[in-house]
């Protein structure tokens, strides 16, 4: 049974791809499987200038998942363009996650990525503070989201995916703003703000105090967000949150997600993407159905 899916004007071999920040540039995973088999490679986030990230400790386990406070460490767009040159060798879609501290930085990075032949789509991380607006997170305000997406979209020709933060009051409103501003697809969702305290030292476990919570325990919450947003927008939705087995992915497909991103599970099973591709093919054959027939098949 075919597992192809279309996101905007991109055709994916299958609906599976890594979540940004959990798969490096993709090159780091070449010894775990054939990157050409993936629906897409989503790279670690890149910014205009290099970023050193947060002070350690940066990662800790919690029941049902993990906290990370990497702080978006990256080598900056100029050096990252050299990485993209290497990714030209692979026959799959390359999606680059990017971010900025100001609208101008978002636009500048997007324009540079749009010119590179390796890039098939840009994934905009809007979970960042707008330093020109007193540090308000871009993604928690629908007016800021609309303006930022519109500003970036008018400067690029390639597909623009917008990765929403779940730490907004009304995700449906944010999603609709991104769509009306020209987003080609939505990724639901980034990590949830959280923290952990060491009861012996009475200090935060993470060096940055707070971090992003991800992992299997969050799947039911993110599933609800995907379900709610799919019913209100016309553009494709890509689900990201707590997927560690085929059953998790199937739930997202059934509520209407066109594709899924795997994040935390890459750390416990670096070969999970390739496992899921094979398992989906087997599932569709046994059920004698298609992926397109499965997507949005929720019965109410």
Foldseek 3Di string as FASTA:
>chain_A
DFQWFDAQNDIFSHQEEADAPFCAQVVVLVVLDAPLNGREYEHHEAWAAFDQFFDDPAKDDDVFFIFGRRRSGDHHLVVVLVVLVVLVVHNHAYEYEYEYQALVRLQVSLLVLQPRPRHQEYEYEQQWFNVVVVGDGQQQDLVSLLVSLLSNVVNHDHAYEYAHAPPHDDVLSNLVSNVVSPHSEYEQHWFDKDWDADPVVRHTNGRVRIGGTAAQVCLVVSLVVLLVNQVRDDGAYEYEGHDQALVSVLSSQQSAHRHYHYHRNCVVPVNRSVVNVVVVVVVCVVVVHYSVCSGNNDDD
